[in-house]
Amino acid sequence: MARVCQITGVGVTRGHHIHRSGKAKKEGGIGKHVTKRVKRVILPNLRSKRIWVPELGKFVRVKLSARALKTLDKNGAFVTLKGAGLI
């Protein structure tokens, strides 16, 4: 299964980590300088959960982000999962 939230659709993003060299000015140097940009992968904060849906009377197994878990608590399991097309 992919690293994608089933409710919000958030997935893996790509970015850069900046390499710097030199001594900071406040430490007596001439300042930090950017020497390289290195590729990196930013992974979403995913959780695999069994969510109880009282309207259906059963558990639904989903992979969701921490943000989606908060949305699920706020709006209710049935409404959120139905809106995402999972039930």
N, C-alpha and C. Protein backbone atom coordinates (compact mmCIF):
# COMPACT_ATOMS: atom_id res chain seq x y z
N MET A 1 0.84 -1.18 0.00
CA MET A 1 0.00 0.00 0.00
C MET A 1 0.89 1.25 0.00
N ALA A 2 0.49 2.26 -0.73
CA ALA A 2 1.29 3.48 -0.86
C ALA A 2 1.27 4.29 0.42
N ARG A 3 2.24 5.19 0.54
CA ARG A 3 2.29 6.08 1.69
C ARG A 3 1.41 7.30 1.43
N VAL A 4 0.11 7.07 1.38
CA VAL A 4 -0.86 8.13 1.09
C VAL A 4 -2.02 8.00 2.07
N CYS A 5 -2.46 9.14 2.60
CA CYS A 5 -3.62 9.16 3.49
C CYS A 5 -4.87 8.91 2.67
N GLN A 6 -5.74 8.02 3.14
CA GLN A 6 -6.94 7.65 2.40
C GLN A 6 -8.03 8.71 2.50
N ILE A 7 -7.93 9.63 3.44
CA ILE A 7 -8.95 10.66 3.61
C ILE A 7 -8.51 11.98 2.98
N THR A 8 -7.34 12.47 3.35
CA THR A 8 -6.89 13.78 2.84
C THR A 8 -6.11 13.67 1.55
N GLY A 9 -5.56 12.50 1.26
CA GLY A 9 -4.79 12.32 0.03
C GLY A 9 -3.36 12.81 0.11
N VAL A 10 -2.93 13.22 1.30
CA VAL A 10 -1.56 13.71 1.46
C VAL A 10 -0.58 12.55 1.29
N GLY A 11 0.51 12.80 0.60
CA GLY A 11 1.48 11.74 0.33
C GLY A 11 2.90 12.22 0.56
N VAL A 12 3.84 11.51 -0.04
CA VAL A 12 5.25 11.84 0.09
C VAL A 12 5.56 13.10 -0.71
N THR A 13 6.30 14.03 -0.10
CA THR A 13 6.77 15.21 -0.82
C THR A 13 8.28 15.19 -0.89
N ARG A 14 8.80 15.88 -1.88
CA ARG A 14 10.24 15.94 -2.04
C ARG A 14 10.69 17.38 -1.83
N GLY A 15 11.89 17.50 -1.27
CA GLY A 15 12.43 18.82 -1.01
C GLY A 15 13.94 18.76 -1.01
N HIS A 16 14.55 19.74 -0.36
CA HIS A 16 16.00 19.83 -0.30
C HIS A 16 16.44 20.07 1.14
N HIS A 17 17.59 19.53 1.45
CA HIS A 17 18.29 19.82 2.70
C HIS A 17 19.49 20.66 2.30
N ILE A 18 19.68 21.80 2.94
CA ILE A 18 20.74 22.72 2.54
C ILE A 18 21.99 22.46 3.37
N HIS A 19 23.12 22.18 2.69
CA HIS A 19 24.40 22.04 3.36
C HIS A 19 25.03 23.42 3.49
N ARG A 20 25.50 23.74 4.68
CA ARG A 20 26.16 25.02 4.91
C ARG A 20 27.55 24.76 5.46
N SER A 21 28.48 25.64 5.13
CA SER A 21 29.82 25.53 5.69
C SER A 21 30.25 26.88 6.22
N GLY A 22 31.24 26.88 7.06
CA GLY A 22 31.75 28.12 7.63
C GLY A 22 31.37 28.27 9.08
N LYS A 23 31.92 29.30 9.67
CA LYS A 23 31.68 29.58 11.09
C LYS A 23 30.71 30.76 11.20
N ALA A 24 29.74 30.66 12.09
CA ALA A 24 28.73 31.70 12.25
C ALA A 24 29.37 33.01 12.69
N LYS A 25 28.77 34.13 12.30
CA LYS A 25 29.31 35.45 12.63
C LYS A 25 29.36 35.68 14.14
N LYS A 26 28.31 35.20 14.83
CA LYS A 26 28.29 35.42 16.28
C LYS A 26 29.33 34.57 17.01
N GLU A 27 29.92 33.61 16.30
CA GLU A 27 31.00 32.81 16.88
C GLU A 27 32.37 33.30 16.41
N GLY A 28 32.40 34.45 15.73
CA GLY A 28 33.67 35.03 15.32
C GLY A 28 34.08 34.71 13.89
N GLY A 29 33.21 34.07 13.12
CA GLY A 29 33.53 33.72 11.74
C GLY A 29 33.05 34.77 10.75
N ILE A 30 33.12 34.46 9.48
CA ILE A 30 32.67 35.40 8.45
C ILE A 30 31.27 35.06 7.95
N GLY A 31 30.64 34.09 8.55
CA GLY A 31 29.27 33.75 8.21
C GLY A 31 29.15 32.41 7.51
N LYS A 32 27.98 31.84 7.58
CA LYS A 32 27.71 30.55 6.94
C LYS A 32 27.43 30.76 5.46
N HIS A 33 27.85 29.80 4.64
CA HIS A 33 27.61 29.87 3.20
C HIS A 33 26.97 28.57 2.73
N VAL A 34 26.01 28.68 1.83
CA VAL A 34 25.37 27.51 1.25
C VAL A 34 26.33 26.90 0.23
N THR A 35 26.62 25.61 0.40
CA THR A 35 27.54 24.95 -0.52
C THR A 35 26.85 23.94 -1.42
N LYS A 36 25.71 23.41 -0.98
CA LYS A 36 25.06 22.36 -1.74
C LYS A 36 23.61 22.22 -1.31
N ARG A 37 22.75 21.79 -2.25
CA ARG A 37 21.38 21.40 -1.93
C ARG A 37 21.26 19.91 -2.19
N VAL A 38 20.89 19.16 -1.15
CA VAL A 38 20.80 17.71 -1.23
C VAL A 38 19.34 17.31 -1.22
N LYS A 39 18.94 16.42 -2.14
CA LYS A 39 17.55 15.98 -2.21
C LYS A 39 17.19 15.19 -0.96
N ARG A 40 15.94 15.34 -0.54
CA ARG A 40 15.43 14.58 0.59
C ARG A 40 13.96 14.27 0.37
N VAL A 41 13.45 13.29 1.14
CA VAL A 41 12.06 12.86 1.05
C VAL A 41 11.38 13.19 2.37
N ILE A 42 10.23 13.85 2.30
CA ILE A 42 9.46 14.20 3.49
C ILE A 42 8.25 13.28 3.53
N LEU A 43 8.19 12.41 4.53
CA LEU A 43 7.13 11.42 4.65
C LEU A 43 5.96 11.97 5.46
N PRO A 44 4.73 11.62 5.10
CA PRO A 44 3.57 12.07 5.88
C PRO A 44 3.49 11.29 7.20
N ASN A 45 2.81 11.89 8.17
CA ASN A 45 2.64 11.29 9.49
C ASN A 45 1.44 10.34 9.44
N LEU A 46 1.67 9.10 8.96
CA LEU A 46 0.57 8.15 8.73
C LEU A 46 0.38 7.19 9.90
N ARG A 47 -0.86 6.79 10.08
CA ARG A 47 -1.24 5.81 11.10
C ARG A 47 -2.18 4.79 10.46
N SER A 48 -2.03 3.52 10.79
CA SER A 48 -2.99 2.50 10.38
C SER A 48 -3.95 2.30 11.55
N LYS A 49 -5.23 2.50 11.31
CA LYS A 49 -6.21 2.47 12.39
C LYS A 49 -7.41 1.62 12.01
N ARG A 50 -8.03 1.04 13.03
CA ARG A 50 -9.35 0.42 12.90
C ARG A 50 -10.34 1.39 13.51
N ILE A 51 -11.21 1.93 12.69
CA ILE A 51 -12.18 2.94 13.15
C ILE A 51 -13.54 2.28 13.30
N TRP A 52 -14.14 2.45 14.48
CA TRP A 52 -15.48 1.92 14.73
C TRP A 52 -16.51 2.89 14.13
N VAL A 53 -17.38 2.37 13.28
CA VAL A 53 -18.45 3.18 12.68
C VAL A 53 -19.77 2.68 13.25
N PRO A 54 -20.36 3.44 14.19
CA PRO A 54 -21.59 2.98 14.85
C PRO A 54 -22.77 2.81 13.89
N GLU A 55 -22.85 3.66 12.84
CA GLU A 55 -23.96 3.56 11.89
C GLU A 55 -23.95 2.24 11.13
N LEU A 56 -22.75 1.71 10.87
CA LEU A 56 -22.62 0.43 10.17
C LEU A 56 -22.52 -0.74 11.14
N GLY A 57 -22.15 -0.45 12.39
CA GLY A 57 -21.97 -1.51 13.39
C GLY A 57 -20.76 -2.38 13.14
N LYS A 58 -19.70 -1.81 12.56
CA LYS A 58 -18.50 -2.58 12.28
C LYS A 58 -17.27 -1.67 12.26
N PHE A 59 -16.08 -2.31 12.27
CA PHE A 59 -14.83 -1.59 12.17
C PHE A 59 -14.46 -1.41 10.69
N VAL A 60 -13.78 -0.31 10.39
CA VAL A 60 -13.23 -0.07 9.06
C VAL A 60 -11.73 0.20 9.25
N ARG A 61 -10.91 -0.54 8.49
CA ARG A 61 -9.46 -0.37 8.60
C ARG A 61 -8.99 0.65 7.57
N VAL A 62 -8.34 1.72 8.05
CA VAL A 62 -7.88 2.79 7.17
C VAL A 62 -6.45 3.19 7.51
N LYS A 63 -5.77 3.77 6.52
CA LYS A 63 -4.45 4.36 6.72
C LYS A 63 -4.63 5.86 6.57
N LEU A 64 -4.42 6.61 7.67
CA LEU A 64 -4.67 8.04 7.61
C LEU A 64 -3.60 8.83 8.34
N SER A 65 -3.54 10.11 8.01
CA SER A 65 -2.56 11.01 8.63
C SER A 65 -3.09 11.48 9.98
N ALA A 66 -2.21 12.07 10.76
CA ALA A 66 -2.61 12.59 12.06
C ALA A 66 -3.64 13.71 11.90
N ARG A 67 -3.49 14.51 10.86
CA ARG A 67 -4.44 15.58 10.58
C ARG A 67 -5.83 14.99 10.25
N ALA A 68 -5.87 13.92 9.48
CA ALA A 68 -7.14 13.28 9.13
C ALA A 68 -7.79 12.66 10.36
N LEU A 69 -6.98 12.18 11.29
CA LEU A 69 -7.51 11.60 12.53
C LEU A 69 -8.24 12.67 13.34
N LYS A 70 -7.68 13.89 13.35
CA LYS A 70 -8.34 15.00 14.04
C LYS A 70 -9.64 15.37 13.33
N THR A 71 -9.64 15.35 12.02
CA THR A 71 -10.84 15.64 11.23
C THR A 71 -11.91 14.60 11.51
N LEU A 72 -11.49 13.34 11.63
CA LEU A 72 -12.40 12.24 11.91
C LEU A 72 -13.05 12.42 13.28
N ASP A 73 -12.27 12.85 14.27
CA ASP A 73 -12.81 13.10 15.61
C ASP A 73 -13.81 14.26 15.60
N LYS A 74 -13.51 15.28 14.80
CA LYS A 74 -14.35 16.47 14.78
C LYS A 74 -15.67 16.23 14.05
N ASN A 75 -15.62 15.62 12.87
CA ASN A 75 -16.81 15.49 12.04
C ASN A 75 -17.55 14.16 12.20
N GLY A 76 -16.92 13.19 12.84
CA GLY A 76 -17.54 11.88 13.00
C GLY A 76 -17.04 10.91 11.95
N ALA A 77 -17.01 9.63 12.32
CA ALA A 77 -16.44 8.60 11.46
C ALA A 77 -17.25 8.40 10.18
N PHE A 78 -18.55 8.27 10.30
CA PHE A 78 -19.38 7.95 9.15
C PHE A 78 -19.33 9.04 8.08
N VAL A 79 -19.48 10.30 8.51
CA VAL A 79 -19.49 11.42 7.56
C VAL A 79 -18.15 11.56 6.85
N THR A 80 -17.06 11.45 7.60
CA THR A 80 -15.72 11.63 7.02
C THR A 80 -15.38 10.49 6.06
N LEU A 81 -15.64 9.25 6.47
CA LEU A 81 -15.32 8.10 5.62
C LEU A 81 -16.21 8.07 4.38
N LYS A 82 -17.46 8.47 4.53
CA LYS A 82 -18.36 8.50 3.37
C LYS A 82 -17.93 9.57 2.38
N GLY A 83 -17.50 10.72 2.89
CA GLY A 83 -17.02 11.80 2.03
C GLY A 83 -15.76 11.43 1.26
N ALA A 84 -14.93 10.56 1.87
CA ALA A 84 -13.70 10.10 1.20
C ALA A 84 -13.96 8.93 0.28
N GLY A 85 -15.17 8.37 0.31
CA GLY A 85 -15.53 7.27 -0.56
C GLY A 85 -15.03 5.91 -0.07
N LEU A 86 -14.81 5.79 1.23
CA LEU A 86 -14.30 4.54 1.80
C LEU A 86 -15.43 3.61 2.24
N ILE A 87 -16.61 4.15 2.45
CA ILE A 87 -17.78 3.30 2.80
C ILE A 87 -18.98 3.70 1.96
